[in-house]
């Protein structure tokens, strides 16, 4: 397996698990993951939030860890990467306001490079206009945005993932095993024991 170079788009209050786990897992299998945030450089941090499902009408939120960025947002170019990861949390509602972020998402999609989006990451896909005629899973509260962007919202169990072409999506962090396995498959990553 040739190692892939993967871009991860994060911002303050990105979901802790949806950032830490994919970053560590993708690195563990040999890929190079660059985590970036608009207006921040390598070595700076973003705040994360822990979203949990505790029986309320929506998720609860608690402070998470500080997550250190390892690349400069200003210098990233889609053509330098093999794939894109978009974690959820509240960060996508901020990230979708940044024109360069939207250009990056569009460039990855236009090049048919693998894109993994989880939870509220669909908000970024919708804002970038890449969901037209496509099926996508997300946190259920994002279903209206997926539909308004011309996509089909796929309502699956919280621990499952959906694949359509280069897009791998899932409802939330409980789907990590399925979501990451499907993303690795789309990437062409083989793990042998």
Protein backbone atom coordinates (compact mmCIF):
# COMPACT_ATOMS: atom_id res chain seq x y z
CA UNK A 1 0.00 0.00 0.00
CA UNK A 2 1.31 3.41 -0.88
CA UNK A 3 0.82 5.91 1.93
CA UNK A 4 -1.74 8.59 1.17
CA UNK A 5 -1.59 12.25 2.05
CA UNK A 6 -4.87 13.28 3.68
CA UNK A 7 -6.19 16.74 4.52
CA UNK A 8 -8.40 17.18 7.61
CA UNK A 9 -10.42 20.41 7.91
CA UNK A 10 -11.05 21.45 11.51
CA UNK A 11 -12.09 24.52 13.45
CA UNK A 12 -12.86 25.45 17.02
CA UNK A 13 -15.47 23.19 18.61
CA UNK A 14 -14.89 20.41 16.14
CA UNK A 15 -16.17 17.16 17.66
CA UNK A 16 -13.36 15.68 19.77
CA UNK A 17 -13.81 11.99 18.87
CA UNK A 18 -14.50 12.74 15.21
CA UNK A 19 -11.16 14.51 14.99
CA UNK A 20 -8.84 12.58 17.31
CA UNK A 21 -9.85 9.06 16.32
CA UNK A 22 -9.61 9.45 12.52
CA UNK A 23 -6.39 11.46 12.83
CA UNK A 24 -4.78 8.77 14.97
CA UNK A 25 -6.21 5.79 13.07
CA UNK A 26 -5.23 7.08 9.63
CA UNK A 27 -1.76 7.92 10.91
CA UNK A 28 -1.48 4.49 12.55
CA UNK A 29 -2.02 2.70 9.23
CA UNK A 30 0.74 4.77 7.60
CA UNK A 31 -1.05 7.71 6.00
CA UNK A 32 0.11 11.31 6.46
CA UNK A 33 -2.70 13.47 7.86
CA UNK A 34 -2.47 17.27 7.81
CA UNK A 35 -4.94 18.93 10.17
CA UNK A 36 -5.61 22.57 9.28
CA UNK A 37 -7.88 25.43 10.35
CA UNK A 38 -8.49 28.77 8.63
CA UNK A 39 -6.41 31.61 10.07
CA UNK A 40 -4.21 29.19 12.06
CA UNK A 41 -0.76 27.68 11.59
CA UNK A 42 0.97 24.44 12.51
CA UNK A 43 1.51 24.23 16.26
CA UNK A 44 -1.58 26.24 17.13
CA UNK A 45 -4.61 24.48 18.58
CA UNK A 46 -8.37 24.33 18.19
CA UNK A 47 -10.80 23.60 20.97
CA UNK A 48 -12.83 20.44 20.63
CA UNK A 49 -16.21 19.53 22.08
CA UNK A 50 -17.52 16.16 23.17
CA UNK A 51 -21.03 15.51 21.91
CA UNK A 52 -22.86 12.69 23.60
CA UNK A 53 -26.24 11.04 23.24
CA UNK A 54 -27.81 10.96 26.69
CA UNK A 55 -31.52 10.69 25.91
CA UNK A 56 -32.23 14.39 25.33
CA UNK A 57 -33.82 15.78 22.18
CA UNK A 58 -30.36 16.50 20.82
CA UNK A 59 -26.77 15.78 21.84
CA UNK A 60 -25.19 17.24 24.96
CA UNK A 61 -21.92 19.16 24.72
CA UNK A 62 -18.93 19.11 27.05
CA UNK A 63 -15.45 20.61 26.65
CA UNK A 64 -13.00 18.33 24.86
CA UNK A 65 -9.25 18.37 24.39
CA UNK A 66 -7.12 20.94 22.64
CA UNK A 67 -6.18 19.54 19.24
CA UNK A 68 -2.84 20.63 17.77
CA UNK A 69 -2.71 21.55 14.11
CA UNK A 70 0.23 20.16 12.17
CA UNK A 71 0.04 22.18 8.93
CA UNK A 72 -0.67 25.76 7.84
CA UNK A 73 -4.08 26.37 6.30
CA UNK A 74 -2.77 29.19 4.11
CA UNK A 75 -0.47 26.83 2.18
CA UNK A 76 -2.78 23.86 1.51
CA UNK A 77 -3.80 23.00 -2.03
CA UNK A 78 -6.18 20.19 -2.93
CA UNK A 79 -3.86 18.91 -5.65
CA UNK A 80 -1.24 18.09 -3.00
CA UNK A 81 -3.55 15.61 -1.23
CA UNK A 82 -5.12 12.24 -1.99
CA UNK A 83 -8.21 12.55 0.24
CA UNK A 84 -10.21 14.82 2.54
CA UNK A 85 -11.65 14.24 6.03
CA UNK A 86 -14.38 16.50 7.42
CA UNK A 87 -15.19 15.91 11.10
CA UNK A 88 -18.41 17.19 12.61
CA UNK A 89 -19.27 19.16 15.70
CA UNK A 90 -19.97 22.87 15.50
CA UNK A 91 -16.87 23.66 13.41
CA UNK A 92 -18.56 23.04 10.01
CA UNK A 93 -20.99 25.91 10.59
CA UNK A 94 -17.94 28.20 10.87
CA UNK A 95 -15.87 26.52 8.17
CA UNK A 96 -18.66 26.83 5.59
CA UNK A 97 -18.31 30.61 5.74
CA UNK A 98 -14.74 30.48 4.43
CA UNK A 99 -14.43 30.73 0.64
CA UNK A 100 -11.09 28.85 0.53
CA UNK A 101 -12.56 25.97 2.54
CA UNK A 102 -15.44 25.69 0.08
CA UNK A 103 -13.00 25.83 -2.86
CA UNK A 104 -10.98 22.99 -1.31
CA UNK A 105 -14.06 20.80 -0.86
CA UNK A 106 -15.15 21.47 -4.45
CA UNK A 107 -11.66 20.69 -5.76
CA UNK A 108 -11.50 17.34 -3.94
CA UNK A 109 -14.93 16.43 -5.23
CA UNK A 110 -14.25 17.56 -8.82
CA UNK A 111 -11.10 15.40 -8.84
CA UNK A 112 -13.15 12.45 -7.48
CA UNK A 113 -10.77 12.13 -4.54
CA UNK A 114 -12.10 10.27 -1.48
CA UNK A 115 -14.01 12.47 0.97
CA UNK A 116 -15.00 11.24 4.43
CA UNK A 117 -17.60 13.35 6.25
CA UNK A 118 -19.19 12.55 9.57
CA UNK A 119 -22.00 14.12 11.61
CA UNK A 120 -22.27 17.88 10.91
CA UNK A 121 -19.56 17.60 8.23
CA UNK A 122 -22.48 17.42 5.76
CA UNK A 123 -23.08 21.12 6.41
CA UNK A 124 -19.77 21.83 4.71
CA UNK A 125 -20.60 19.54 1.78
CA UNK A 126 -23.97 21.26 1.38
CA UNK A 127 -22.45 24.75 1.48
CA UNK A 128 -19.84 23.72 -1.09
CA UNK A 129 -22.60 22.55 -3.42
CA UNK A 130 -21.29 19.01 -3.88
CA UNK A 131 -24.38 17.06 -2.77
CA UNK A 132 -26.60 17.65 -5.81
CA UNK A 133 -28.01 14.25 -6.86
CA UNK A 134 -25.99 12.35 -4.25
CA UNK A 135 -26.83 10.32 -1.19
CA UNK A 136 -25.26 11.32 2.11
CA UNK A 137 -25.65 10.36 5.74
CA UNK A 138 -25.17 12.89 8.54
CA UNK A 139 -26.39 13.78 12.00
CA UNK A 140 -30.21 13.78 11.62
CA UNK A 141 -30.45 17.53 12.35
CA UNK A 142 -28.47 18.10 9.12
CA UNK A 143 -31.03 16.24 6.96
CA UNK A 144 -32.77 19.47 5.85
CA UNK A 145 -29.45 20.93 4.67
CA UNK A 146 -28.58 17.79 2.72
CA UNK A 147 -32.00 17.90 1.03
CA UNK A 148 -31.89 21.66 0.38
CA UNK A 149 -28.51 21.13 -1.32
CA UNK A 150 -30.16 18.67 -3.72
CA UNK A 151 -28.91 15.56 -1.96
CA UNK A 152 -30.69 12.52 -0.62
CA UNK A 153 -30.38 12.21 3.15
CA UNK A 154 -29.66 8.60 4.12
CA UNK A 155 -31.11 7.77 7.54
CA UNK A 156 -29.00 4.92 8.89
CA UNK A 157 -28.22 3.67 12.42
CA UNK A 158 -25.74 5.86 14.30
CA UNK A 159 -23.07 3.14 14.09
CA UNK A 160 -23.24 2.66 10.31
CA UNK A 161 -21.70 4.40 7.29
CA UNK A 162 -22.76 5.05 3.71
CA UNK A 163 -20.63 5.07 0.54
CA UNK A 164 -21.52 6.61 -2.80
CA UNK A 165 -18.62 6.87 -5.20
CA UNK A 166 -15.87 8.93 -3.55
CA UNK A 167 -18.08 10.07 -0.63
CA UNK A 168 -18.05 8.16 2.66
CA UNK A 169 -20.49 9.56 5.24
CA UNK A 170 -21.81 8.63 8.67
CA UNK A 171 -24.22 10.03 11.30
CA UNK A 172 -21.83 10.45 14.25
CA UNK A 173 -18.77 9.16 16.11
CA UNK A 174 -20.34 5.78 17.08
CA UNK A 175 -19.91 4.93 13.38
CA UNK A 176 -16.10 5.21 13.50
CA UNK A 177 -15.44 1.47 12.95
CA UNK A 178 -17.74 1.30 9.90
CA UNK A 179 -16.91 4.81 8.60
CA UNK A 180 -13.14 4.44 8.83
CA UNK A 181 -13.22 0.89 7.39
CA UNK A 182 -15.21 2.11 4.38
CA UNK A 183 -12.97 5.17 3.97
CA UNK A 184 -9.86 2.96 4.02
CA UNK A 185 -11.50 0.76 1.40
CA UNK A 186 -12.22 3.76 -0.86
CA UNK A 187 -8.61 4.92 -0.30
CA UNK A 188 -7.36 1.50 -1.40
CA UNK A 189 -5.68 0.87 1.94
CA UNK A 190 -5.12 -2.79 2.74
CA UNK A 191 -4.38 -3.94 6.26
CA UNK A 192 -2.89 -7.39 6.64
CA UNK A 193 -2.47 -9.26 9.89
